Amino acid sequence: MKIKHINGFSLLEAVVYTGISSIVLLTVVSYVFWMDESESKSKASRETSENAKYAMEILGYEIRGATSIYTPTTTPTQLSLETKQHLPEGETFSFVDFYICEDRLCMKKDGTAPVFLTSESIHIENLSFEILGGDTENDSVTVSFDAVYANYPGVPDNYSRAGIKSSFSIRSY
């Protein structure tokens, strides 16, 4: 009797094929998750530093353009400036305040609602204003704060913190 040769896989070949396929698939899936996690960390870091830089640029612009520091409402955690920039119609001067509201850095100009200077995913901590000099019309202000990326619940890896500090002089033009 003639034995027919049947083409196919033996049990051993099927087990080896399944094992190798599982290892390759596990490697690919692990790489995809690693890339996603890396992108999330990069996004958190980028957003934190960009928000901190933007907020400091606005603070610097307003401080340099102010005519004086309004000391009755200025505290170590709030800065009030007297300014002649962007005046409401009919006014000769105006005030602008910087402070933390809802864990974000806010700017409030006379007669307007507060404006957030940082995104909702960035929380501001340790905000401080230090006035340098004795003359409120020619003072310098040192501003420092920590911008912290607001982690999503259950995602502790998306943590990013940027500490920023800078000094600005009132130019009083």
N, C-alpha and C. Protein backbone atom coordinates (compact mmCIF):
# COMPACT_ATOMS: atom_id res chain seq x y z
N MET A 1 0.82 -1.15 0.00
CA MET A 1 0.00 0.00 0.00
C MET A 1 0.88 1.24 0.00
N LYS A 2 0.44 2.17 -0.72
CA LYS A 2 1.19 3.41 -0.85
C LYS A 2 0.66 4.42 0.17
N ILE A 3 1.60 5.04 0.92
CA ILE A 3 1.22 6.04 1.92
C ILE A 3 1.23 7.41 1.24
N LYS A 4 0.16 8.11 1.43
CA LYS A 4 0.09 9.46 0.88
C LYS A 4 0.79 10.42 1.83
N HIS A 5 1.53 11.31 1.26
CA HIS A 5 2.19 12.34 2.07
C HIS A 5 1.25 13.54 2.15
N ILE A 6 0.86 13.89 3.34
CA ILE A 6 -0.06 15.01 3.54
C ILE A 6 0.76 16.24 3.91
N ASN A 7 0.54 17.30 3.15
CA ASN A 7 1.24 18.56 3.47
C ASN A 7 0.50 19.26 4.61
N GLY A 8 1.27 19.83 5.54
CA GLY A 8 0.68 20.54 6.67
C GLY A 8 1.71 20.68 7.77
N PHE A 9 1.24 21.08 8.91
CA PHE A 9 2.13 21.30 10.03
C PHE A 9 1.99 20.16 11.02
N SER A 10 3.11 19.83 11.61
CA SER A 10 3.05 18.87 12.69
C SER A 10 2.69 19.65 13.96
N LEU A 11 2.37 18.94 15.01
CA LEU A 11 2.02 19.59 16.27
C LEU A 11 3.20 20.40 16.81
N LEU A 12 4.37 19.89 16.68
CA LEU A 12 5.57 20.60 17.15
C LEU A 12 5.77 21.89 16.34
N GLU A 13 5.59 21.84 15.04
CA GLU A 13 5.73 23.05 14.21
C GLU A 13 4.68 24.09 14.59
N ALA A 14 3.47 23.68 14.84
CA ALA A 14 2.40 24.60 15.22
C ALA A 14 2.71 25.27 16.56
N VAL A 15 3.22 24.51 17.51
CA VAL A 15 3.57 25.07 18.83
C VAL A 15 4.71 26.08 18.67
N VAL A 16 5.74 25.77 17.91
CA VAL A 16 6.87 26.68 17.70
C VAL A 16 6.38 27.94 16.98
N TYR A 17 5.57 27.79 15.95
CA TYR A 17 5.02 28.94 15.21
C TYR A 17 4.20 29.83 16.14
N THR A 18 3.35 29.26 16.96
CA THR A 18 2.53 30.02 17.90
C THR A 18 3.41 30.75 18.91
N GLY A 19 4.44 30.11 19.40
CA GLY A 19 5.35 30.74 20.37
C GLY A 19 6.09 31.92 19.76
N ILE A 20 6.63 31.74 18.57
CA ILE A 20 7.37 32.83 17.91
C ILE A 20 6.42 33.98 17.57
N SER A 21 5.24 33.66 17.08
CA SER A 21 4.26 34.71 16.77
C SER A 21 3.87 35.48 18.02
N SER A 22 3.69 34.79 19.13
CA SER A 22 3.33 35.45 20.39
C SER A 22 4.44 36.39 20.85
N ILE A 23 5.68 35.98 20.73
CA ILE A 23 6.82 36.83 21.13
C ILE A 23 6.89 38.07 20.25
N VAL A 24 6.74 37.90 18.96
CA VAL A 24 6.79 39.04 18.03
C VAL A 24 5.62 39.99 18.32
N LEU A 25 4.43 39.46 18.49
CA LEU A 25 3.26 40.28 18.77
C LEU A 25 3.42 41.03 20.10
N LEU A 26 3.90 40.35 21.12
CA LEU A 26 4.12 40.98 22.42
C LEU A 26 5.16 42.11 22.31
N THR A 27 6.20 41.91 21.53
CA THR A 27 7.22 42.94 21.32
C THR A 27 6.63 44.16 20.61
N VAL A 28 5.85 43.94 19.59
CA VAL A 28 5.24 45.05 18.84
C VAL A 28 4.27 45.82 19.73
N VAL A 29 3.41 45.12 20.46
CA VAL A 29 2.45 45.78 21.35
C VAL A 29 3.17 46.56 22.44
N SER A 30 4.21 45.99 23.03
CA SER A 30 4.99 46.69 24.06
C SER A 30 5.61 47.96 23.50
N TYR A 31 6.12 47.90 22.29
CA TYR A 31 6.73 49.06 21.65
C TYR A 31 5.69 50.16 21.41
N VAL A 32 4.50 49.77 20.96
CA VAL A 32 3.44 50.75 20.72
C VAL A 32 3.04 51.43 22.03
N PHE A 33 2.87 50.67 23.11
CA PHE A 33 2.54 51.26 24.40
C PHE A 33 3.66 52.16 24.91
N TRP A 34 4.89 51.75 24.73
CA TRP A 34 6.04 52.57 25.14
C TRP A 34 6.07 53.89 24.37
N MET A 35 5.80 53.85 23.06
CA MET A 35 5.78 55.07 22.25
C MET A 35 4.65 56.00 22.70
N ASP A 36 3.49 55.43 23.01
CA ASP A 36 2.36 56.23 23.47
C ASP A 36 2.68 56.90 24.80
N GLU A 37 3.28 56.15 25.71
CA GLU A 37 3.66 56.70 27.01
C GLU A 37 4.72 57.78 26.85
N SER A 38 5.67 57.56 25.98
CA SER A 38 6.72 58.54 25.71
C SER A 38 6.12 59.82 25.14
N GLU A 39 5.17 59.69 24.23
CA GLU A 39 4.51 60.86 23.65
C GLU A 39 3.72 61.62 24.70
N SER A 40 3.06 60.92 25.62
CA SER A 40 2.30 61.57 26.69
C SER A 40 3.23 62.36 27.60
N LYS A 41 4.37 61.78 27.96
CA LYS A 41 5.33 62.48 28.81
C LYS A 41 5.89 63.70 28.09
N SER A 42 6.18 63.56 26.83
CA SER A 42 6.71 64.67 26.04
C SER A 42 5.68 65.79 25.93
N LYS A 43 4.43 65.44 25.70
CA LYS A 43 3.35 66.43 25.60
C LYS A 43 3.21 67.18 26.92
N ALA A 44 3.23 66.47 28.03
CA ALA A 44 3.10 67.11 29.34
C ALA A 44 4.25 68.08 29.59
N SER A 45 5.44 67.67 29.27
CA SER A 45 6.62 68.53 29.47
C SER A 45 6.56 69.75 28.57
N ARG A 46 6.21 69.55 27.32
CA ARG A 46 6.13 70.65 26.36
C ARG A 46 5.04 71.65 26.76
N GLU A 47 3.86 71.15 27.12
CA GLU A 47 2.77 72.03 27.49
C GLU A 47 3.10 72.81 28.77
N THR A 48 3.75 72.18 29.72
CA THR A 48 4.13 72.85 30.96
C THR A 48 5.11 73.99 30.68
N SER A 49 6.15 73.71 29.92
CA SER A 49 7.14 74.76 29.66
C SER A 49 6.58 75.88 28.79
N GLU A 50 5.76 75.56 27.81
CA GLU A 50 5.16 76.59 26.95
C GLU A 50 4.22 77.50 27.73
N ASN A 51 3.42 76.92 28.62
CA ASN A 51 2.51 77.73 29.43
C ASN A 51 3.28 78.62 30.39
N ALA A 52 4.32 78.10 31.02
CA ALA A 52 5.13 78.90 31.94
C ALA A 52 5.79 80.06 31.20
N LYS A 53 6.33 79.78 30.03
CA LYS A 53 6.99 80.83 29.25
C LYS A 53 5.99 81.90 28.81
N TYR A 54 4.84 81.49 28.32
CA TYR A 54 3.82 82.44 27.87
C TYR A 54 3.37 83.34 29.03
N ALA A 55 3.08 82.73 30.18
CA ALA A 55 2.63 83.51 31.34
C ALA A 55 3.70 84.52 31.76
N MET A 56 4.96 84.10 31.75
CA MET A 56 6.04 85.01 32.14
C MET A 56 6.21 86.13 31.12
N GLU A 57 6.01 85.85 29.85
CA GLU A 57 6.08 86.90 28.83
C GLU A 57 5.01 87.95 29.04
N ILE A 58 3.79 87.54 29.36
CA ILE A 58 2.70 88.48 29.61
C ILE A 58 3.01 89.30 30.86
N LEU A 59 3.45 88.64 31.92
CA LEU A 59 3.82 89.36 33.14
C LEU A 59 4.90 90.40 32.84
N GLY A 60 5.93 90.01 32.12
CA GLY A 60 7.02 90.92 31.79
C GLY A 60 6.55 92.11 30.98
N TYR A 61 5.69 91.86 30.00
CA TYR A 61 5.17 92.93 29.16
C TYR A 61 4.40 93.95 30.01
N GLU A 62 3.53 93.46 30.87
CA GLU A 62 2.71 94.35 31.69
C GLU A 62 3.55 95.09 32.73
N ILE A 63 4.52 94.41 33.33
CA ILE A 63 5.36 95.07 34.33
C ILE A 63 6.21 96.16 33.68
N ARG A 64 6.83 95.85 32.56
CA ARG A 64 7.67 96.85 31.88
C ARG A 64 6.85 98.05 31.42
N GLY A 65 5.59 97.84 31.08
CA GLY A 65 4.75 98.92 30.58
C GLY A 65 4.00 99.67 31.67
N ALA A 66 4.11 99.23 32.92
CA ALA A 66 3.39 99.87 34.01
C ALA A 66 4.03 101.20 34.38
N THR A 67 3.22 102.08 34.98
CA THR A 67 3.76 103.34 35.49
C THR A 67 4.21 103.20 36.93
N SER A 68 3.57 102.28 37.68
CA SER A 68 3.98 102.05 39.07
C SER A 68 3.32 100.77 39.59
N ILE A 69 3.81 100.35 40.74
CA ILE A 69 3.22 99.22 41.45
C ILE A 69 2.18 99.81 42.40
N TYR A 70 0.98 99.27 42.34
CA TYR A 70 -0.08 99.76 43.22
C TYR A 70 0.02 98.99 44.53
N THR A 71 0.68 99.59 45.52
CA THR A 71 1.00 98.89 46.76
C THR A 71 -0.18 98.56 47.66
N PRO A 72 -1.30 99.31 47.64
CA PRO A 72 -2.40 98.92 48.55
C PRO A 72 -2.94 97.50 48.30
N THR A 73 -2.87 97.01 47.08
CA THR A 73 -3.40 95.66 46.81
C THR A 73 -2.31 94.66 46.42
N THR A 74 -1.06 95.08 46.40
CA THR A 74 0.03 94.16 46.09
C THR A 74 0.43 93.40 47.35
N THR A 75 0.52 92.08 47.21
CA THR A 75 0.95 91.20 48.31
C THR A 75 2.01 90.27 47.74
N PRO A 76 2.61 89.42 48.57
CA PRO A 76 3.57 88.46 48.02
C PRO A 76 2.97 87.49 46.99
N THR A 77 1.63 87.34 46.97
CA THR A 77 1.01 86.42 46.01
C THR A 77 0.10 87.14 45.01
N GLN A 78 0.06 88.45 45.04
CA GLN A 78 -0.72 89.22 44.07
C GLN A 78 0.05 90.48 43.72
N LEU A 79 0.08 90.77 42.43
CA LEU A 79 0.75 91.97 41.94
C LEU A 79 -0.29 92.88 41.29
N SER A 80 -0.33 94.13 41.74
CA SER A 80 -1.23 95.13 41.15
C SER A 80 -0.38 96.24 40.56
N LEU A 81 -0.67 96.56 39.32
CA LEU A 81 0.10 97.58 38.60
C LEU A 81 -0.81 98.70 38.14
N GLU A 82 -0.27 99.91 38.19
CA GLU A 82 -0.95 101.05 37.57
C GLU A 82 -0.35 101.17 36.18
N THR A 83 -1.20 101.30 35.19
CA THR A 83 -0.71 101.29 33.82
C THR A 83 -1.44 102.32 32.96
N LYS A 84 -0.80 102.67 31.87
CA LYS A 84 -1.43 103.54 30.87
C LYS A 84 -1.60 102.80 29.54
N GLN A 85 -1.35 101.50 29.58
CA GLN A 85 -1.52 100.67 28.38
C GLN A 85 -2.96 100.20 28.27
N HIS A 86 -3.50 100.20 27.07
CA HIS A 86 -4.84 99.65 26.80
C HIS A 86 -5.88 100.22 27.76
N LEU A 87 -5.96 101.52 27.82
CA LEU A 87 -6.87 102.18 28.76
C LEU A 87 -8.33 102.08 28.32
N PRO A 88 -9.23 101.94 29.29
CA PRO A 88 -10.65 102.03 28.96
C PRO A 88 -10.93 103.46 28.46
N GLU A 89 -11.92 103.60 27.62
CA GLU A 89 -12.23 104.90 27.04
C GLU A 89 -12.53 105.93 28.12
N GLY A 90 -11.88 107.09 28.03
CA GLY A 90 -12.09 108.19 28.95
C GLY A 90 -11.24 108.13 30.21
N GLU A 91 -10.43 107.10 30.38
CA GLU A 91 -9.59 106.96 31.57
C GLU A 91 -8.17 107.43 31.27
N THR A 92 -7.48 107.93 32.31
CA THR A 92 -6.09 108.36 32.14
C THR A 92 -5.11 107.31 32.66
N PHE A 93 -5.61 106.39 33.47
CA PHE A 93 -4.79 105.27 33.92
C PHE A 93 -5.73 104.11 34.26
N SER A 94 -5.15 102.95 34.45
CA SER A 94 -5.92 101.75 34.73
C SER A 94 -5.09 100.84 35.63
N PHE A 95 -5.70 99.79 36.13
CA PHE A 95 -4.99 98.83 36.97
C PHE A 95 -5.05 97.45 36.33
N VAL A 96 -4.00 96.70 36.56
CA VAL A 96 -3.97 95.30 36.13
C VAL A 96 -3.43 94.48 37.31
N ASP A 97 -4.10 93.36 37.59
CA ASP A 97 -3.73 92.50 38.71
C ASP A 97 -3.37 91.11 38.20
N PHE A 98 -2.40 90.49 38.88
CA PHE A 98 -2.00 89.12 38.60
C PHE A 98 -2.14 88.33 39.89
N TYR A 99 -2.77 87.16 39.81
CA TYR A 99 -2.97 86.33 40.99
C TYR A 99 -3.40 84.94 40.54
N ILE A 100 -3.53 84.04 41.50
CA ILE A 100 -3.98 82.67 41.19
C ILE A 100 -5.48 82.61 41.38
N CYS A 101 -6.18 82.09 40.38
CA CYS A 101 -7.60 81.80 40.51
C CYS A 101 -7.84 80.42 39.88
N GLU A 102 -8.56 79.60 40.61
CA GLU A 102 -8.83 78.22 40.17
C GLU A 102 -7.55 77.47 39.82
N ASP A 103 -6.52 77.64 40.61
CA ASP A 103 -5.21 76.97 40.42
C ASP A 103 -4.48 77.41 39.15
N ARG A 104 -4.93 78.47 38.52
CA ARG A 104 -4.30 78.96 37.29
C ARG A 104 -3.89 80.42 37.49
N LEU A 105 -2.93 80.86 36.70
CA LEU A 105 -2.51 82.25 36.77
C LEU A 105 -3.51 83.11 36.01
N CYS A 106 -3.99 84.17 36.67
CA CYS A 106 -4.99 85.05 36.07
C CYS A 106 -4.47 86.48 35.99
N MET A 107 -4.99 87.19 35.00
CA MET A 107 -4.74 88.61 34.84
C MET A 107 -6.11 89.28 34.77
N LYS A 108 -6.26 90.34 35.57
CA LYS A 108 -7.52 91.07 35.56
C LYS A 108 -7.23 92.54 35.34
N LYS A 109 -7.82 93.09 34.30
CA LYS A 109 -7.72 94.52 34.03
C LYS A 109 -9.00 95.18 34.50
N ASP A 110 -8.92 96.48 34.82
CA ASP A 110 -10.09 97.22 35.28
C ASP A 110 -11.28 97.00 34.35
N GLY A 111 -12.43 96.71 34.97
CA GLY A 111 -13.67 96.62 34.21
C GLY A 111 -13.82 95.38 33.36
N THR A 112 -12.93 94.42 33.49
CA THR A 112 -13.03 93.19 32.69
C THR A 112 -12.99 91.98 33.60
N ALA A 113 -13.42 90.86 33.09
CA ALA A 113 -13.35 89.60 33.83
C ALA A 113 -11.91 89.10 33.82
N PRO A 114 -11.53 88.29 34.82
CA PRO A 114 -10.18 87.73 34.82
C PRO A 114 -9.93 86.86 33.58
N VAL A 115 -8.71 86.89 33.10
CA VAL A 115 -8.29 86.10 31.95
C VAL A 115 -7.25 85.09 32.44
N PHE A 116 -7.46 83.82 32.11
CA PHE A 116 -6.49 82.79 32.48
C PHE A 116 -5.27 82.91 31.57
N LEU A 117 -4.09 82.91 32.16
CA LEU A 117 -2.85 82.96 31.37
C LEU A 117 -2.26 81.57 31.15
N THR A 118 -2.80 80.58 31.82
CA THR A 118 -2.34 79.20 31.65
C THR A 118 -3.53 78.32 31.28
N SER A 119 -3.25 77.21 30.62
CA SER A 119 -4.32 76.30 30.21
C SER A 119 -4.88 75.56 31.42
N GLU A 120 -6.02 74.93 31.23
CA GLU A 120 -6.66 74.23 32.35
C GLU A 120 -5.87 73.01 32.81
N SER A 121 -4.96 72.53 32.00
CA SER A 121 -4.17 71.37 32.41
C SER A 121 -2.90 71.77 33.18
N ILE A 122 -2.69 73.08 33.36
CA ILE A 122 -1.52 73.56 34.10
C ILE A 122 -1.97 74.23 35.38
N HIS A 123 -1.46 73.77 36.50
CA HIS A 123 -1.74 74.38 37.79
C HIS A 123 -0.52 75.20 38.21
N ILE A 124 -0.77 76.36 38.81
CA ILE A 124 0.32 77.22 39.27
C ILE A 124 0.46 77.07 40.78
N GLU A 125 1.69 76.86 41.21
CA GLU A 125 2.00 76.73 42.63
C GLU A 125 3.12 77.70 42.98
N ASN A 126 3.19 78.07 44.24
CA ASN A 126 4.28 78.89 44.79
C ASN A 126 4.46 80.22 44.06
N LEU A 127 3.36 80.85 43.66
CA LEU A 127 3.45 82.15 43.00
C LEU A 127 3.94 83.18 44.00
N SER A 128 4.96 83.94 43.62
CA SER A 128 5.43 84.99 44.51
C SER A 128 5.95 86.17 43.71
N PHE A 129 5.68 87.36 44.27
CA PHE A 129 6.14 88.61 43.70
C PHE A 129 6.99 89.30 44.76
N GLU A 130 8.19 89.68 44.37
CA GLU A 130 9.07 90.39 45.29
C GLU A 130 9.44 91.72 44.65
N ILE A 131 9.14 92.81 45.36
CA ILE A 131 9.45 94.13 44.85
C ILE A 131 10.86 94.50 45.29
N LEU A 132 11.66 94.88 44.32
CA LEU A 132 13.05 95.26 44.58
C LEU A 132 13.18 96.77 44.39
N GLY A 133 13.74 97.45 45.33
CA GLY A 133 13.89 98.91 45.23
C GLY A 133 12.95 99.60 46.19
N GLY A 134 13.09 100.90 46.32
CA GLY A 134 12.29 101.63 47.28
C GLY A 134 11.30 102.58 46.65
N ASP A 135 11.41 102.82 45.36
CA ASP A 135 10.55 103.78 44.67
C ASP A 135 9.59 102.99 43.79
N THR A 136 8.28 103.03 44.10
CA THR A 136 7.32 102.19 43.37
C THR A 136 7.21 102.55 41.91
N GLU A 137 7.71 103.72 41.49
CA GLU A 137 7.64 104.08 40.08
C GLU A 137 8.82 103.57 39.28
N ASN A 138 9.89 103.19 39.94
CA ASN A 138 11.07 102.70 39.22
C ASN A 138 11.54 101.36 39.77
N ASP A 139 10.65 100.64 40.38
CA ASP A 139 11.00 99.36 40.99
C ASP A 139 11.22 98.28 39.96
N SER A 140 11.78 97.22 40.46
CA SER A 140 11.85 95.97 39.71
C SER A 140 11.02 94.95 40.48
N VAL A 141 10.50 93.99 39.78
CA VAL A 141 9.71 92.93 40.40
C VAL A 141 10.29 91.59 40.00
N THR A 142 10.55 90.76 41.00
CA THR A 142 10.96 89.38 40.73
C THR A 142 9.72 88.51 40.84
N VAL A 143 9.47 87.76 39.80
CA VAL A 143 8.30 86.88 39.73
C VAL A 143 8.81 85.44 39.71
N SER A 144 8.21 84.61 40.52
CA SER A 144 8.56 83.18 40.47
C SER A 144 7.31 82.34 40.70
N PHE A 145 7.27 81.20 40.04
CA PHE A 145 6.17 80.25 40.23
C PHE A 145 6.58 78.90 39.67
N ASP A 146 5.82 77.91 40.05
CA ASP A 146 5.98 76.55 39.51
C ASP A 146 4.74 76.23 38.67
N ALA A 147 4.96 75.81 37.46
CA ALA A 147 3.87 75.35 36.60
C ALA A 147 3.88 73.83 36.65
N VAL A 148 2.75 73.24 37.00
CA VAL A 148 2.66 71.79 37.19
C VAL A 148 1.58 71.25 36.26
N TYR A 149 1.95 70.25 35.47
CA TYR A 149 0.97 69.61 34.59
C TYR A 149 -0.02 68.85 35.45
N ALA A 150 -1.30 69.07 35.25
CA ALA A 150 -2.35 68.42 36.03
C ALA A 150 -2.51 66.99 35.55
N ASN A 151 -2.08 66.05 36.35
CA ASN A 151 -2.19 64.64 35.98
C ASN A 151 -3.64 64.23 35.83
N TYR A 152 -3.87 63.37 34.89
CA TYR A 152 -5.18 62.78 34.77
C TYR A 152 -5.28 61.66 35.79
N PRO A 153 -6.45 61.44 36.37
CA PRO A 153 -6.59 60.39 37.38
C PRO A 153 -6.09 59.05 36.86
N GLY A 154 -5.27 58.42 37.65
CA GLY A 154 -4.76 57.11 37.28
C GLY A 154 -3.63 57.12 36.27
N VAL A 155 -3.12 58.30 35.91
CA VAL A 155 -2.02 58.39 34.95
C VAL A 155 -0.87 59.19 35.58
N PRO A 156 -0.16 58.59 36.54
CA PRO A 156 0.89 59.33 37.24
C PRO A 156 2.11 59.63 36.38
N ASP A 157 2.26 58.98 35.25
CA ASP A 157 3.45 59.18 34.42
C ASP A 157 3.43 60.50 33.67
N ASN A 158 2.28 61.15 33.58
CA ASN A 158 2.18 62.40 32.84
C ASN A 158 2.53 63.59 33.72
N TYR A 159 3.48 63.44 34.62
CA TYR A 159 3.84 64.50 35.55
C TYR A 159 4.94 65.36 34.94
N SER A 160 4.75 66.67 35.04
CA SER A 160 5.79 67.59 34.58
C SER A 160 5.70 68.84 35.44
N ARG A 161 6.85 69.40 35.79
CA ARG A 161 6.91 70.59 36.63
C ARG A 161 7.98 71.51 36.05
N ALA A 162 7.65 72.79 35.95
CA ALA A 162 8.62 73.78 35.48
C ALA A 162 8.65 74.93 36.47
N GLY A 163 9.77 75.11 37.11
CA GLY A 163 9.96 76.26 38.00
C GLY A 163 10.54 77.40 37.17
N ILE A 164 9.99 78.59 37.33
CA ILE A 164 10.44 79.71 36.51
C ILE A 164 10.55 80.94 37.41
N LYS A 165 11.58 81.73 37.15
CA LYS A 165 11.82 82.93 37.94
C LYS A 165 12.46 83.96 37.04
N SER A 166 11.98 85.21 37.13
CA SER A 166 12.53 86.28 36.32
C SER A 166 12.28 87.62 37.00
N SER A 167 13.08 88.60 36.64
CA SER A 167 12.90 89.96 37.18
C SER A 167 12.66 90.93 36.03
N PHE A 168 11.79 91.90 36.30
CA PHE A 168 11.45 92.90 35.31
C PHE A 168 11.48 94.27 35.97
N SER A 169 11.89 95.27 35.21
CA SER A 169 11.91 96.65 35.71
C SER A 169 10.78 97.43 35.10
N ILE A 170 10.17 98.28 35.92
CA ILE A 170 9.15 99.19 35.40
C ILE A 170 9.87 100.28 34.64
N ARG A 171 9.45 100.52 33.43
CA ARG A 171 10.12 101.51 32.58
C ARG A 171 9.49 102.89 32.69
N SER A 172 8.24 102.96 33.03
CA SER A 172 7.52 104.23 33.23
C SER A 172 7.69 105.21 32.11
N TYR A 173 7.48 104.80 30.89
CA TYR A 173 7.62 105.72 29.75
C TYR A 173 6.47 106.66 29.68
